[in-house]
N, C-alpha and C. Protein backbone atom coordinates (compact mmCIF):
# COMPACT_ATOMS: atom_id res chain seq x y z
N GLN A 1 29.57 -11.41 -8.30
CA GLN A 1 30.08 -10.18 -7.75
C GLN A 1 31.07 -10.51 -6.62
N THR A 2 32.25 -9.93 -6.68
CA THR A 2 33.25 -10.15 -5.64
C THR A 2 32.89 -9.33 -4.40
N VAL A 3 32.87 -10.02 -3.25
CA VAL A 3 32.58 -9.37 -1.97
C VAL A 3 33.89 -9.09 -1.23
N GLU A 4 34.80 -10.05 -1.22
CA GLU A 4 36.12 -9.90 -0.59
C GLU A 4 37.15 -10.59 -1.47
N LEU A 5 38.36 -10.05 -1.48
CA LEU A 5 39.45 -10.61 -2.29
C LEU A 5 40.71 -10.66 -1.44
N GLN A 6 41.34 -11.85 -1.38
CA GLN A 6 42.57 -12.04 -0.59
C GLN A 6 42.39 -11.48 0.82
N LYS A 7 41.37 -11.97 1.50
CA LYS A 7 40.98 -11.45 2.82
C LYS A 7 41.66 -12.25 3.93
N PRO A 8 42.60 -11.62 4.67
CA PRO A 8 43.22 -12.31 5.80
C PRO A 8 42.19 -12.49 6.93
N PHE A 9 42.33 -13.58 7.69
CA PHE A 9 41.44 -13.78 8.82
C PHE A 9 42.17 -14.43 9.98
N ARG A 10 41.68 -14.15 11.16
CA ARG A 10 42.11 -14.79 12.41
C ARG A 10 40.88 -14.83 13.29
N CYS A 11 40.27 -16.01 13.39
CA CYS A 11 39.00 -16.16 14.08
C CYS A 11 39.13 -17.21 15.18
N LEU A 12 38.51 -16.95 16.31
CA LEU A 12 38.50 -17.92 17.41
C LEU A 12 37.70 -19.14 16.99
N LEU A 13 38.37 -20.28 16.87
CA LEU A 13 37.72 -21.53 16.49
C LEU A 13 37.00 -22.14 17.68
N GLY A 14 37.59 -21.98 18.85
CA GLY A 14 37.00 -22.55 20.06
C GLY A 14 38.10 -23.04 20.98
N GLN A 15 37.73 -23.86 21.96
CA GLN A 15 38.70 -24.44 22.88
C GLN A 15 38.89 -25.91 22.53
N ALA A 16 40.15 -26.28 22.27
CA ALA A 16 40.46 -27.68 22.00
C ALA A 16 40.31 -28.50 23.27
N LYS A 17 40.60 -27.87 24.39
CA LYS A 17 40.37 -28.42 25.71
C LYS A 17 40.36 -27.23 26.66
N PRO A 18 39.87 -27.40 27.88
CA PRO A 18 39.79 -26.22 28.76
C PRO A 18 41.12 -25.47 28.87
N GLY A 19 41.06 -24.18 28.60
CA GLY A 19 42.25 -23.34 28.69
C GLY A 19 43.09 -23.27 27.43
N LEU A 20 42.75 -24.02 26.39
CA LEU A 20 43.53 -24.03 25.15
C LEU A 20 42.69 -23.47 24.02
N GLU A 21 42.68 -22.12 23.90
CA GLU A 21 41.94 -21.46 22.82
C GLU A 21 42.69 -21.61 21.51
N ILE A 22 41.95 -21.88 20.45
CA ILE A 22 42.53 -22.09 19.13
C ILE A 22 41.97 -21.05 18.17
N TYR A 23 42.86 -20.40 17.43
CA TYR A 23 42.46 -19.44 16.42
C TYR A 23 42.72 -20.03 15.04
N TRP A 24 41.75 -19.90 14.16
CA TRP A 24 41.86 -20.35 12.77
C TRP A 24 42.33 -19.16 11.96
N THR A 25 43.43 -19.32 11.24
CA THR A 25 44.08 -18.20 10.57
C THR A 25 44.39 -18.55 9.12
N GLY A 26 44.25 -17.58 8.25
CA GLY A 26 44.59 -17.81 6.85
C GLY A 26 44.21 -16.63 5.99
N ILE A 27 44.14 -16.88 4.70
CA ILE A 27 43.75 -15.86 3.73
C ILE A 27 42.72 -16.48 2.79
N LEU A 28 41.55 -15.89 2.73
CA LEU A 28 40.50 -16.36 1.82
C LEU A 28 40.78 -15.80 0.43
N ASP A 29 40.84 -16.69 -0.56
CA ASP A 29 41.10 -16.24 -1.93
C ASP A 29 40.05 -15.23 -2.39
N ARG A 30 38.79 -15.65 -2.30
CA ARG A 30 37.74 -14.76 -2.79
C ARG A 30 36.39 -15.20 -2.23
N ILE A 31 35.60 -14.23 -1.84
CA ILE A 31 34.21 -14.47 -1.46
C ILE A 31 33.37 -13.77 -2.51
N VAL A 32 32.39 -14.50 -3.05
CA VAL A 32 31.56 -13.95 -4.12
C VAL A 32 30.07 -14.10 -3.79
N ARG A 33 29.28 -13.24 -4.39
CA ARG A 33 27.83 -13.36 -4.32
C ARG A 33 27.38 -13.82 -5.70
N TYR A 34 26.65 -14.94 -5.73
CA TYR A 34 26.19 -15.51 -6.99
C TYR A 34 24.71 -15.87 -6.83
N HIS A 35 23.87 -15.30 -7.64
CA HIS A 35 22.41 -15.50 -7.56
C HIS A 35 21.90 -15.25 -6.14
N GLY A 36 22.43 -14.20 -5.52
CA GLY A 36 21.96 -13.79 -4.21
C GLY A 36 22.53 -14.58 -3.04
N GLU A 37 23.36 -15.57 -3.30
CA GLU A 37 23.95 -16.40 -2.23
C GLU A 37 25.45 -16.13 -2.14
N LEU A 38 26.01 -16.31 -0.94
CA LEU A 38 27.46 -16.16 -0.74
C LEU A 38 28.16 -17.49 -0.94
N TYR A 39 29.31 -17.44 -1.60
CA TYR A 39 30.15 -18.62 -1.84
C TYR A 39 31.60 -18.26 -1.61
N PHE A 40 32.36 -19.26 -1.17
CA PHE A 40 33.82 -19.15 -1.14
C PHE A 40 34.29 -19.65 -2.49
N LEU A 41 35.13 -18.89 -3.18
CA LEU A 41 35.64 -19.28 -4.49
C LEU A 41 37.10 -19.69 -4.35
N GLU A 42 37.44 -20.86 -4.83
CA GLU A 42 38.79 -21.40 -4.72
C GLU A 42 39.30 -21.76 -6.11
N LEU A 43 40.52 -21.34 -6.40
CA LEU A 43 41.18 -21.70 -7.65
C LEU A 43 42.24 -22.75 -7.33
N LYS A 44 42.16 -23.88 -8.00
CA LYS A 44 43.09 -24.98 -7.76
C LYS A 44 43.78 -25.37 -9.06
N THR A 45 45.01 -25.82 -8.94
CA THR A 45 45.72 -26.39 -10.08
C THR A 45 45.89 -27.88 -9.85
N ALA A 46 46.06 -28.62 -10.93
CA ALA A 46 46.22 -30.07 -10.83
C ALA A 46 47.16 -30.56 -11.92
N SER A 47 47.77 -31.69 -11.67
CA SER A 47 48.67 -32.28 -12.66
C SER A 47 47.95 -33.35 -13.47
N HIS A 48 46.66 -33.53 -13.27
CA HIS A 48 45.88 -34.49 -14.05
C HIS A 48 44.55 -33.85 -14.45
N SER A 49 43.75 -34.58 -15.19
CA SER A 49 42.52 -34.04 -15.76
C SER A 49 41.57 -33.47 -14.71
N ILE A 50 41.00 -32.33 -15.05
CA ILE A 50 39.97 -31.71 -14.23
C ILE A 50 38.64 -32.34 -14.67
N ASP A 51 38.26 -33.39 -13.97
CA ASP A 51 37.03 -34.09 -14.32
C ASP A 51 36.14 -34.23 -13.09
N GLU A 52 35.05 -34.95 -13.22
CA GLU A 52 34.11 -35.11 -12.10
C GLU A 52 34.78 -35.76 -10.89
N LYS A 53 35.64 -36.73 -11.13
CA LYS A 53 36.33 -37.40 -10.03
C LYS A 53 37.23 -36.42 -9.28
N TRP A 54 37.96 -35.59 -10.02
CA TRP A 54 38.84 -34.61 -9.39
C TRP A 54 38.01 -33.60 -8.59
N LEU A 55 36.93 -33.10 -9.18
CA LEU A 55 36.10 -32.11 -8.51
C LEU A 55 35.39 -32.69 -7.28
N ALA A 56 35.06 -33.99 -7.31
CA ALA A 56 34.33 -34.63 -6.20
C ALA A 56 35.13 -34.65 -4.91
N GLN A 57 36.46 -34.61 -4.99
CA GLN A 57 37.28 -34.66 -3.78
C GLN A 57 37.00 -33.50 -2.84
N PHE A 58 36.52 -32.41 -3.38
CA PHE A 58 36.29 -31.22 -2.55
C PHE A 58 35.02 -31.33 -1.71
N GLN A 59 34.19 -32.32 -1.99
CA GLN A 59 32.98 -32.53 -1.19
C GLN A 59 33.35 -32.85 0.25
N VAL A 60 34.54 -33.42 0.47
CA VAL A 60 34.99 -33.78 1.82
C VAL A 60 36.31 -33.09 2.16
N SER A 61 36.51 -31.89 1.64
CA SER A 61 37.76 -31.17 1.87
C SER A 61 37.71 -30.39 3.18
N SER A 62 38.61 -30.73 4.09
CA SER A 62 38.71 -30.01 5.35
C SER A 62 39.09 -28.55 5.11
N GLN A 63 40.01 -28.32 4.19
CA GLN A 63 40.44 -26.96 3.87
C GLN A 63 39.25 -26.12 3.41
N LEU A 64 38.46 -26.66 2.52
CA LEU A 64 37.32 -25.93 1.98
C LEU A 64 36.30 -25.60 3.08
N ARG A 65 35.99 -26.57 3.90
CA ARG A 65 35.03 -26.33 4.98
C ARG A 65 35.58 -25.29 5.96
N GLY A 66 36.88 -25.34 6.22
CA GLY A 66 37.49 -24.35 7.11
C GLY A 66 37.43 -22.95 6.54
N TYR A 67 37.62 -22.82 5.23
CA TYR A 67 37.53 -21.52 4.60
C TYR A 67 36.08 -21.00 4.60
N ILE A 68 35.13 -21.89 4.37
CA ILE A 68 33.73 -21.48 4.42
C ILE A 68 33.39 -21.00 5.83
N TRP A 69 33.83 -21.77 6.84
CA TRP A 69 33.58 -21.37 8.24
C TRP A 69 34.16 -19.98 8.51
N ALA A 70 35.41 -19.76 8.10
CA ALA A 70 36.07 -18.47 8.34
C ALA A 70 35.33 -17.33 7.65
N GLY A 71 34.92 -17.55 6.41
CA GLY A 71 34.18 -16.52 5.69
C GLY A 71 32.88 -16.18 6.38
N GLN A 72 32.21 -17.18 6.89
CA GLN A 72 30.96 -16.96 7.62
C GLN A 72 31.21 -16.15 8.89
N GLN A 73 32.33 -16.40 9.56
CA GLN A 73 32.65 -15.64 10.76
C GLN A 73 32.94 -14.18 10.41
N LEU A 74 33.66 -13.96 9.32
CA LEU A 74 34.01 -12.60 8.91
C LEU A 74 32.79 -11.78 8.51
N LEU A 75 31.87 -12.41 7.78
CA LEU A 75 30.72 -11.67 7.26
C LEU A 75 29.48 -11.79 8.14
N GLY A 76 29.52 -12.71 9.11
CA GLY A 76 28.39 -12.85 10.02
C GLY A 76 27.15 -13.46 9.40
N THR A 77 27.32 -14.26 8.34
CA THR A 77 26.18 -14.90 7.69
C THR A 77 26.62 -16.22 7.06
N ASN A 78 25.67 -17.12 6.85
CA ASN A 78 25.99 -18.43 6.28
C ASN A 78 26.31 -18.32 4.80
N PHE A 79 27.15 -19.22 4.33
CA PHE A 79 27.46 -19.35 2.91
C PHE A 79 26.64 -20.51 2.35
N ALA A 80 26.34 -20.44 1.07
CA ALA A 80 25.65 -21.54 0.41
C ALA A 80 26.61 -22.68 0.12
N GLY A 81 27.90 -22.37 -0.02
CA GLY A 81 28.88 -23.40 -0.32
C GLY A 81 30.13 -22.81 -0.93
N ALA A 82 30.68 -23.54 -1.90
CA ALA A 82 31.93 -23.12 -2.53
C ALA A 82 31.85 -23.31 -4.04
N ILE A 83 32.61 -22.51 -4.73
CA ILE A 83 32.77 -22.65 -6.18
C ILE A 83 34.24 -22.99 -6.40
N ILE A 84 34.50 -24.12 -7.05
CA ILE A 84 35.86 -24.58 -7.31
C ILE A 84 36.15 -24.39 -8.79
N HIS A 85 37.23 -23.68 -9.09
CA HIS A 85 37.73 -23.57 -10.46
C HIS A 85 39.02 -24.36 -10.51
N GLY A 86 39.12 -25.30 -11.43
CA GLY A 86 40.31 -26.12 -11.57
C GLY A 86 41.01 -25.86 -12.89
N VAL A 87 42.34 -25.82 -12.84
CA VAL A 87 43.15 -25.64 -14.04
C VAL A 87 44.22 -26.74 -14.06
N GLU A 88 44.25 -27.50 -15.14
CA GLU A 88 45.26 -28.55 -15.28
C GLU A 88 46.55 -27.96 -15.80
N LYS A 89 47.65 -28.31 -15.12
CA LYS A 89 48.97 -27.87 -15.57
C LYS A 89 49.50 -28.94 -16.52
N ALA A 90 49.10 -28.86 -17.75
CA ALA A 90 49.47 -29.89 -18.72
C ALA A 90 50.80 -29.55 -19.38
N ALA A 91 51.55 -30.59 -19.65
CA ALA A 91 52.82 -30.42 -20.36
C ALA A 91 52.55 -30.06 -21.82
N ILE A 92 53.46 -29.33 -22.41
CA ILE A 92 53.34 -29.00 -23.83
C ILE A 92 53.60 -30.29 -24.62
N PRO A 93 52.66 -30.69 -25.47
CA PRO A 93 52.84 -31.95 -26.19
C PRO A 93 54.02 -31.90 -27.16
N LYS A 94 54.73 -33.02 -27.25
CA LYS A 94 55.88 -33.09 -28.16
C LYS A 94 55.43 -33.40 -29.58
N THR A 95 54.35 -34.17 -29.68
CA THR A 95 53.80 -34.50 -31.00
C THR A 95 52.29 -34.43 -30.90
N GLY A 96 51.65 -34.40 -32.04
CA GLY A 96 50.19 -34.43 -32.06
C GLY A 96 49.57 -33.09 -31.73
N ARG A 97 48.31 -33.13 -31.49
CA ARG A 97 47.54 -31.92 -31.27
C ARG A 97 47.55 -31.54 -29.80
N ALA A 98 47.72 -30.27 -29.57
CA ALA A 98 47.63 -29.75 -28.20
C ALA A 98 46.16 -29.68 -27.80
N ARG A 99 45.89 -29.90 -26.54
CA ARG A 99 44.52 -29.82 -26.06
C ARG A 99 44.09 -28.37 -26.00
N LYS A 100 42.82 -28.15 -26.20
CA LYS A 100 42.26 -26.80 -26.17
C LYS A 100 42.16 -26.33 -24.73
N PRO A 101 42.23 -25.02 -24.50
CA PRO A 101 42.13 -24.49 -23.13
C PRO A 101 40.91 -25.00 -22.38
N GLU A 102 39.76 -25.11 -23.06
CA GLU A 102 38.55 -25.58 -22.37
C GLU A 102 38.65 -27.03 -21.92
N GLU A 103 39.60 -27.79 -22.47
CA GLU A 103 39.82 -29.16 -22.03
C GLU A 103 40.69 -29.21 -20.78
N LEU A 104 41.30 -28.09 -20.41
CA LEU A 104 42.21 -28.05 -19.27
C LEU A 104 41.61 -27.37 -18.05
N ILE A 105 40.36 -26.95 -18.14
CA ILE A 105 39.73 -26.26 -17.02
C ILE A 105 38.41 -26.92 -16.66
N GLY A 106 37.97 -26.68 -15.44
CA GLY A 106 36.68 -27.19 -15.00
C GLY A 106 36.22 -26.40 -13.80
N ALA A 107 34.95 -26.52 -13.51
CA ALA A 107 34.40 -25.81 -12.37
C ALA A 107 33.25 -26.62 -11.78
N ALA A 108 33.04 -26.40 -10.49
CA ALA A 108 31.93 -27.06 -9.81
C ALA A 108 31.46 -26.18 -8.67
N MET A 109 30.17 -26.27 -8.41
CA MET A 109 29.59 -25.61 -7.24
C MET A 109 29.27 -26.69 -6.23
N LEU A 110 29.73 -26.49 -5.01
CA LEU A 110 29.46 -27.44 -3.94
C LEU A 110 28.59 -26.78 -2.89
N GLU A 111 27.40 -27.31 -2.72
CA GLU A 111 26.53 -26.84 -1.65
C GLU A 111 26.99 -27.54 -0.39
N VAL A 112 27.18 -26.80 0.70
CA VAL A 112 27.67 -27.39 1.94
C VAL A 112 26.68 -27.10 3.06
N ASP A 113 26.13 -28.15 3.63
CA ASP A 113 25.18 -28.05 4.73
C ASP A 113 25.87 -27.45 5.96
N GLN A 114 25.17 -26.58 6.66
CA GLN A 114 25.75 -25.94 7.85
C GLN A 114 26.13 -26.95 8.93
N GLY A 115 25.42 -28.05 9.01
CA GLY A 115 25.79 -29.10 9.97
C GLY A 115 27.18 -29.65 9.69
N LEU A 116 27.55 -29.74 8.41
CA LEU A 116 28.89 -30.22 8.04
C LEU A 116 29.97 -29.22 8.44
N ILE A 117 29.63 -27.93 8.37
CA ILE A 117 30.60 -26.90 8.75
C ILE A 117 30.86 -26.98 10.26
N GLU A 118 29.81 -27.13 11.04
CA GLU A 118 29.98 -27.25 12.50
C GLU A 118 30.71 -28.55 12.85
N GLU A 119 30.40 -29.61 12.14
CA GLU A 119 31.10 -30.89 12.36
C GLU A 119 32.59 -30.74 12.06
N TRP A 120 32.92 -30.02 10.98
CA TRP A 120 34.33 -29.75 10.66
C TRP A 120 35.00 -29.01 11.82
N ARG A 121 34.33 -27.97 12.34
CA ARG A 121 34.91 -27.16 13.41
C ARG A 121 35.22 -28.02 14.63
N GLN A 122 34.28 -28.87 15.01
CA GLN A 122 34.51 -29.72 16.18
C GLN A 122 35.60 -30.75 15.91
N ASN A 123 35.62 -31.33 14.70
CA ASN A 123 36.68 -32.28 14.34
C ASN A 123 38.05 -31.62 14.39
N ALA A 124 38.14 -30.38 13.89
CA ALA A 124 39.42 -29.66 13.93
C ALA A 124 39.88 -29.47 15.37
N LEU A 125 38.98 -29.06 16.24
CA LEU A 125 39.33 -28.88 17.66
C LEU A 125 39.75 -30.21 18.30
N ASP A 126 39.05 -31.28 17.96
CA ASP A 126 39.40 -32.60 18.50
C ASP A 126 40.80 -33.03 18.05
N LYS A 127 41.11 -32.82 16.77
CA LYS A 127 42.45 -33.18 16.26
C LYS A 127 43.54 -32.36 16.94
N ILE A 128 43.27 -31.07 17.13
CA ILE A 128 44.25 -30.21 17.79
C ILE A 128 44.47 -30.67 19.23
N ALA A 129 43.40 -31.07 19.90
CA ALA A 129 43.52 -31.59 21.28
C ALA A 129 44.39 -32.85 21.30
N LEU A 130 44.22 -33.74 20.32
CA LEU A 130 45.05 -34.95 20.23
C LEU A 130 46.52 -34.60 20.00
N ILE A 131 46.78 -33.65 19.12
CA ILE A 131 48.16 -33.22 18.85
C ILE A 131 48.77 -32.59 20.09
N HIS A 132 48.01 -31.75 20.76
CA HIS A 132 48.50 -31.10 21.98
C HIS A 132 48.81 -32.16 23.04
N ASN A 133 47.95 -33.16 23.16
CA ASN A 133 48.19 -34.24 24.11
C ASN A 133 49.46 -35.01 23.75
N ALA A 134 49.67 -35.28 22.46
CA ALA A 134 50.87 -36.00 22.04
C ALA A 134 52.13 -35.22 22.39
N LEU A 135 52.08 -33.90 22.21
CA LEU A 135 53.23 -33.07 22.58
C LEU A 135 53.45 -33.09 24.09
N THR A 136 52.37 -33.06 24.84
CA THR A 136 52.46 -33.04 26.30
C THR A 136 53.06 -34.33 26.85
N VAL A 137 52.61 -35.49 26.34
CA VAL A 137 53.11 -36.77 26.86
C VAL A 137 54.36 -37.25 26.13
N GLY A 138 54.70 -36.62 25.01
CA GLY A 138 55.93 -36.97 24.31
C GLY A 138 55.82 -38.17 23.39
N ARG A 139 54.62 -38.54 23.01
CA ARG A 139 54.45 -39.62 22.02
C ARG A 139 53.15 -39.39 21.26
N TYR A 140 53.05 -39.99 20.10
CA TYR A 140 51.90 -39.78 19.25
C TYR A 140 51.31 -41.13 18.84
N ILE A 141 50.05 -41.09 18.40
CA ILE A 141 49.38 -42.29 17.93
C ILE A 141 49.74 -42.47 16.46
N GLN A 142 50.32 -43.60 16.15
CA GLN A 142 50.69 -43.87 14.76
C GLN A 142 49.46 -44.30 13.98
N ASN A 143 49.37 -43.82 12.76
CA ASN A 143 48.27 -44.18 11.88
C ASN A 143 48.85 -45.10 10.80
N LEU A 144 49.24 -46.29 11.21
CA LEU A 144 49.87 -47.23 10.28
C LEU A 144 48.84 -47.76 9.29
N GLY A 145 49.26 -47.92 8.06
CA GLY A 145 48.35 -48.44 7.06
C GLY A 145 48.52 -47.72 5.73
N ASP A 146 47.41 -47.57 5.02
CA ASP A 146 47.44 -46.99 3.68
C ASP A 146 48.00 -45.57 3.67
N ALA A 147 47.75 -44.81 4.72
CA ALA A 147 48.22 -43.42 4.75
C ALA A 147 49.75 -43.36 4.71
N CYS A 148 50.42 -44.39 5.20
CA CYS A 148 51.89 -44.40 5.20
C CYS A 148 52.45 -44.38 3.78
N ASN A 149 51.69 -44.90 2.84
CA ASN A 149 52.18 -45.00 1.47
C ASN A 149 51.45 -44.08 0.51
N ALA A 150 50.65 -43.17 1.02
CA ALA A 150 49.90 -42.25 0.18
C ALA A 150 50.80 -41.12 -0.30
N TYR A 151 50.28 -39.95 -0.50
CA TYR A 151 51.03 -38.77 -0.95
C TYR A 151 51.70 -39.04 -2.29
N ASN A 152 50.89 -39.41 -3.28
CA ASN A 152 51.39 -39.69 -4.63
C ASN A 152 52.47 -40.77 -4.62
N PHE A 153 52.29 -41.76 -3.79
CA PHE A 153 53.16 -42.93 -3.68
C PHE A 153 54.54 -42.64 -3.10
N SER A 154 54.80 -41.41 -2.68
CA SER A 154 56.09 -41.12 -2.05
C SER A 154 56.05 -41.45 -0.57
N GLY A 155 54.87 -41.64 -0.04
CA GLY A 155 54.73 -42.00 1.37
C GLY A 155 54.65 -40.80 2.27
N CYS A 156 54.14 -41.05 3.45
CA CYS A 156 54.04 -40.01 4.47
C CYS A 156 55.44 -39.50 4.80
N PRO A 157 55.60 -38.20 4.99
CA PRO A 157 56.93 -37.66 5.28
C PRO A 157 57.52 -38.16 6.60
N TYR A 158 56.67 -38.73 7.47
CA TYR A 158 57.16 -39.23 8.76
C TYR A 158 57.29 -40.75 8.78
N ARG A 159 57.17 -41.39 7.64
CA ARG A 159 57.27 -42.85 7.55
C ARG A 159 58.63 -43.33 8.07
N LEU A 160 59.67 -42.56 7.82
CA LEU A 160 61.00 -42.91 8.30
C LEU A 160 61.02 -43.06 9.82
N LEU A 161 60.31 -42.18 10.52
CA LEU A 161 60.27 -42.24 11.98
C LEU A 161 59.48 -43.44 12.46
N CYS A 162 58.30 -43.65 11.91
CA CYS A 162 57.44 -44.75 12.36
C CYS A 162 58.06 -46.12 12.08
N GLY A 163 58.90 -46.19 11.05
CA GLY A 163 59.48 -47.47 10.66
C GLY A 163 60.77 -47.81 11.37
N ASN A 164 61.22 -46.98 12.31
CA ASN A 164 62.47 -47.24 13.03
C ASN A 164 62.23 -47.23 14.53
N PRO A 165 63.13 -47.90 15.27
CA PRO A 165 62.98 -47.98 16.72
C PRO A 165 62.96 -46.60 17.38
N VAL A 166 62.24 -46.52 18.51
CA VAL A 166 62.08 -45.27 19.24
C VAL A 166 63.42 -44.62 19.55
N GLY A 167 64.42 -45.41 19.93
CA GLY A 167 65.72 -44.88 20.31
C GLY A 167 66.46 -44.19 19.18
N MET A 168 66.13 -44.53 17.93
CA MET A 168 66.80 -43.92 16.77
C MET A 168 66.15 -42.62 16.33
N ARG A 169 64.94 -42.37 16.79
CA ARG A 169 64.16 -41.25 16.25
C ARG A 169 64.78 -39.88 16.49
N PRO A 170 65.34 -39.57 17.65
CA PRO A 170 65.96 -38.25 17.82
C PRO A 170 67.05 -37.97 16.78
N GLN A 171 67.88 -38.98 16.49
CA GLN A 171 68.93 -38.80 15.48
C GLN A 171 68.33 -38.64 14.10
N LEU A 172 67.30 -39.44 13.78
CA LEU A 172 66.65 -39.32 12.47
C LEU A 172 66.01 -37.94 12.30
N ILE A 173 65.42 -37.43 13.37
CA ILE A 173 64.80 -36.10 13.30
C ILE A 173 65.87 -35.05 13.02
N GLU A 174 66.99 -35.13 13.73
CA GLU A 174 68.05 -34.15 13.54
C GLU A 174 68.64 -34.21 12.14
N GLU A 175 68.77 -35.41 11.58
CA GLU A 175 69.42 -35.57 10.27
C GLU A 175 68.48 -35.33 9.09
N ASN A 176 67.17 -35.52 9.27
CA ASN A 176 66.26 -35.55 8.13
C ASN A 176 65.12 -34.53 8.14
N TYR A 177 64.97 -33.81 9.23
CA TYR A 177 63.82 -32.91 9.33
C TYR A 177 64.26 -31.52 9.79
N VAL A 178 63.45 -30.53 9.47
CA VAL A 178 63.67 -29.17 9.96
C VAL A 178 62.38 -28.70 10.61
N LYS A 179 62.52 -27.79 11.56
CA LYS A 179 61.34 -27.20 12.18
C LYS A 179 60.95 -25.99 11.35
N ARG A 180 59.71 -25.98 10.93
CA ARG A 180 59.21 -24.92 10.07
C ARG A 180 58.02 -24.26 10.77
N VAL A 181 58.00 -22.93 10.75
CA VAL A 181 56.89 -22.18 11.31
C VAL A 181 56.06 -21.63 10.16
N TRP A 182 54.75 -21.86 10.23
CA TRP A 182 53.84 -21.39 9.20
C TRP A 182 52.96 -20.29 9.78
N ASN A 183 53.03 -19.11 9.16
CA ASN A 183 52.18 -18.00 9.57
C ASN A 183 51.54 -17.44 8.31
N PRO A 184 50.29 -17.80 8.04
CA PRO A 184 49.66 -17.38 6.79
C PRO A 184 49.46 -15.87 6.67
N LEU A 185 49.58 -15.14 7.77
CA LEU A 185 49.38 -13.69 7.70
C LEU A 185 50.69 -12.92 7.56
N ALA A 186 51.82 -13.62 7.66
CA ALA A 186 53.13 -12.96 7.53
C ALA A 186 53.48 -12.81 6.05
N GLU A 187 54.36 -11.85 5.76
CA GLU A 187 54.81 -11.66 4.38
C GLU A 187 55.53 -12.91 3.90
N GLN A 188 56.42 -13.45 4.73
CA GLN A 188 57.08 -14.72 4.45
C GLN A 188 56.33 -15.78 5.25
N ARG A 189 55.42 -16.49 4.59
CA ARG A 189 54.49 -17.36 5.30
C ARG A 189 55.18 -18.57 5.95
N SER A 190 56.17 -19.09 5.33
CA SER A 190 56.85 -20.28 5.86
C SER A 190 58.31 -19.96 6.09
N ARG A 191 58.78 -20.31 7.28
CA ARG A 191 60.22 -20.10 7.54
C ARG A 191 60.73 -21.23 8.40
N ILE A 192 62.00 -21.57 8.17
CA ILE A 192 62.66 -22.61 8.93
C ILE A 192 63.25 -22.00 10.20
N VAL A 193 63.04 -22.70 11.30
CA VAL A 193 63.56 -22.25 12.60
C VAL A 193 64.85 -22.99 12.86
N GLU A 194 65.90 -22.26 13.15
CA GLU A 194 67.22 -22.87 13.43
C GLU A 194 67.26 -23.40 14.83
């Protein structure tokens, strides 16, 4: 049973540091009641098979935990977890047999302990405090290593900055990056700032 559909939220997450209140904002796809328990329902698409390995990634998804936390704040009660529906965006085969629709979809229920939700909330506030500190002092902690080459092997979008001398970075930023504002509650959620 659907409880909420496309529900916008703006909830006080807490203080990242004294005087810096943080609000968690977004839109919940769907909140459902299943066998008497509340769940956040998420529909995901993928470019590869929807299998156990793909579904397992959501066990440690920050996005998912954040949505569960927000839903709990909106409804004032704990959720049992999340239901993930996955759909593979498969190319139309040029030869041979096309896969059946049931081969392109999958679903999983993830039970999420409330301690993990609170841990997510505190981790989010800690990360925001680190980002705020980096902005304040004008430098950031580089996370050099495997993350630099992740993102489907295209690499971190900021790899260009980390791989060049500090003095070159302002020019690289001006030539290669744009400032984008994300507001999940606005009609136009993402916009470039001139």
